[in-house]
Amino acid sequence: MNILETDHWCMMLPEEWHAENDDDVIRIVDQDDVGEIEITTLHKQSGRVNASDVAAMASEESPEITEWHQARAGGFEGVTGVYREDGASVREWYLGSESLLLYITYVCAEEDEGLDDASVDELLGTLVVGDSQAA
């Protein structure tokens, strides 16, 4: 296992996954190229991200998702939903902790839907707020 560390959060990254920073978006792909995770970090200028912040952003930014479910990924909590578009299956998460809000997507071909779900959930389950944010 490797540790993927940003200025705001970190997570464990299994050997078969690799990450790259692409214009402030962390892209994570596995060696089989079945799907891709993208993580965008938003930082609230003052105060903590709360459940209503997360829900408001999710409903505003992702109207194609009609049903949201409560989600927990490591030290982050929020909502998750799924939709299909143009032959792709898309899972989205809006997760908050401390002053951070993470927008995460996992995209794969519709025919590959579900193949990486357990691996993606396990990977996201290792998310923790970085030391600089916990102060």
Protein backbone atom coordinates (compact mmCIF):
# COMPACT_ATOMS: atom_id res chain seq x y z
CA MET A 1 0.00 0.00 0.00
CA ASN A 2 1.05 3.54 -0.74
CA ILE A 3 -0.18 6.70 0.92
CA LEU A 4 -1.74 9.34 -1.33
CA GLU A 5 -1.31 12.65 0.46
CA THR A 6 -2.57 16.09 -0.56
CA ASP A 7 -2.41 19.40 1.30
CA HIS A 8 -5.83 18.65 2.81
CA TRP A 9 -6.41 14.88 3.06
CA CYS A 10 -4.76 11.53 2.61
CA MET A 11 -5.75 7.95 1.84
CA MET A 12 -4.25 4.52 1.36
CA LEU A 13 -3.71 3.56 -2.26
CA PRO A 14 -3.33 -0.14 -3.13
CA GLU A 15 -0.44 -1.07 -5.43
CA GLU A 16 -2.78 -1.77 -8.36
CA TRP A 17 -4.08 1.83 -8.33
CA HIS A 18 -2.09 4.91 -9.29
CA ALA A 19 -2.84 8.61 -8.95
CA GLU A 20 -1.95 11.80 -10.72
CA ASN A 21 -2.72 15.45 -10.06
CA ASP A 22 -4.43 17.00 -13.07
CA ASP A 23 -5.33 20.71 -12.67
CA ASP A 24 -6.29 20.48 -8.98
CA VAL A 25 -8.18 17.22 -9.55
CA ILE A 26 -6.70 13.98 -8.28
CA ARG A 27 -7.24 11.21 -10.85
CA ILE A 28 -6.96 7.62 -9.63
CA VAL A 29 -7.07 4.64 -11.99
CA ASP A 30 -6.46 0.94 -11.52
CA GLN A 31 -4.09 -1.12 -13.63
CA ASP A 32 -7.01 -2.70 -15.53
CA ASP A 33 -8.37 0.71 -16.67
CA VAL A 34 -11.92 -0.40 -15.81
CA GLY A 35 -12.82 2.96 -14.30
CA GLU A 36 -11.49 6.23 -12.96
CA ILE A 37 -11.91 8.07 -9.68
CA GLU A 38 -11.62 11.85 -9.62
CA ILE A 39 -11.43 13.82 -6.38
CA THR A 40 -11.88 17.58 -6.22
CA THR A 41 -11.20 19.32 -2.92
CA LEU A 42 -13.12 22.43 -1.89
CA HIS A 43 -12.07 24.35 1.21
CA LYS A 44 -14.57 26.43 3.18
CA GLN A 45 -13.02 29.79 4.07
CA SER A 46 -14.45 29.87 7.58
CA GLY A 47 -16.33 27.41 9.72
CA ARG A 48 -17.01 23.75 9.25
CA VAL A 49 -18.76 22.02 6.38
CA ASN A 50 -22.09 20.74 7.68
CA ALA A 51 -24.69 18.30 6.37
CA SER A 52 -26.83 21.07 4.84
CA ASP A 53 -23.79 22.45 2.92
CA VAL A 54 -23.16 18.98 1.50
CA ALA A 55 -26.82 18.33 0.60
CA ALA A 56 -27.23 21.76 -1.01
CA MET A 57 -24.15 21.36 -3.18
CA ALA A 58 -25.12 17.84 -4.22
CA SER A 59 -28.64 18.79 -5.32
CA GLU A 60 -27.46 21.95 -7.09
CA GLU A 61 -24.44 20.49 -8.88
CA SER A 62 -25.82 17.04 -9.75
CA PRO A 63 -29.50 17.35 -10.72
CA GLU A 64 -29.25 14.15 -12.81
CA ILE A 65 -29.14 12.14 -9.56
CA THR A 66 -32.69 11.72 -8.34
CA GLU A 67 -32.00 9.66 -5.22
CA TRP A 68 -29.24 10.46 -2.72
CA HIS A 69 -28.11 8.10 0.04
CA GLN A 70 -26.17 8.83 3.21
CA ALA A 71 -22.49 7.96 2.81
CA ARG A 72 -19.41 7.66 4.95
CA ALA A 73 -15.88 7.38 3.56
CA GLY A 74 -13.22 7.21 6.23
CA GLY A 75 -13.33 10.46 8.19
CA PHE A 76 -15.81 12.11 5.80
CA GLU A 77 -19.62 12.04 5.73
CA GLY A 78 -22.14 13.09 3.13
CA VAL A 79 -24.22 11.72 0.31
CA THR A 80 -23.77 9.46 -2.71
CA GLY A 81 -25.78 8.73 -5.84
CA VAL A 82 -25.58 6.98 -9.20
CA TYR A 83 -26.66 7.79 -12.74
CA ARG A 84 -26.00 6.61 -16.29
CA GLU A 85 -25.16 8.81 -19.24
CA ASP A 86 -23.86 8.17 -22.77
CA GLY A 87 -22.92 4.54 -22.05
CA ALA A 88 -21.18 5.37 -18.76
CA SER A 89 -22.09 4.56 -15.18
CA VAL A 90 -21.28 7.40 -12.79
CA ARG A 91 -21.11 7.22 -8.99
CA GLU A 92 -20.80 10.55 -7.17
CA TRP A 93 -20.06 11.49 -3.58
CA TYR A 94 -20.24 14.84 -1.82
CA LEU A 95 -18.43 14.40 1.48
CA GLY A 96 -17.51 16.84 4.23
CA SER A 97 -15.19 16.92 7.22
CA GLU A 98 -13.77 19.87 9.14
CA SER A 99 -13.61 22.72 6.59
CA LEU A 100 -13.31 20.39 3.58
CA LEU A 101 -15.84 19.27 1.03
CA LEU A 102 -14.78 16.52 -1.36
CA TYR A 103 -16.53 15.99 -4.68
CA ILE A 104 -15.70 12.47 -5.87
CA THR A 105 -16.73 10.67 -9.04
CA TYR A 106 -16.15 7.14 -10.21
CA VAL A 107 -16.85 6.60 -13.92
CA CYS A 108 -16.80 3.34 -15.86
CA ALA A 109 -18.55 1.86 -18.90
CA GLU A 110 -22.12 0.70 -18.20
CA GLU A 111 -21.13 -2.90 -18.97
CA ASP A 112 -18.44 -2.67 -16.24
CA GLU A 113 -20.83 -1.23 -13.64
CA GLY A 114 -20.29 -2.83 -10.25
CA LEU A 115 -16.96 -4.49 -11.07
CA ASP A 116 -14.86 -2.09 -8.99
CA ASP A 117 -17.50 -1.04 -6.44
CA ALA A 118 -16.00 -2.98 -3.53
CA SER A 119 -12.46 -1.79 -4.34
CA VAL A 120 -13.57 1.83 -4.72
CA ASP A 121 -15.52 1.70 -1.44
CA GLU A 122 -12.52 0.17 0.35
CA LEU A 123 -10.16 2.78 -1.10
CA LEU A 124 -12.45 5.70 -0.16
CA GLY A 125 -12.90 4.17 3.29
CA THR A 126 -9.29 5.10 4.07
CA LEU A 127 -9.83 8.87 3.57
CA VAL A 128 -8.74 11.03 6.49
CA VAL A 129 -8.36 14.76 6.99
CA GLY A 130 -4.73 15.85 6.72
CA ASP A 131 -2.79 17.11 9.72
CA SER A 132 -2.87 20.72 8.50
CA GLN A 133 -6.71 20.67 8.50
CA ALA A 134 -7.18 19.09 11.91
CA ALA A 135 -5.54 22.00 13.74
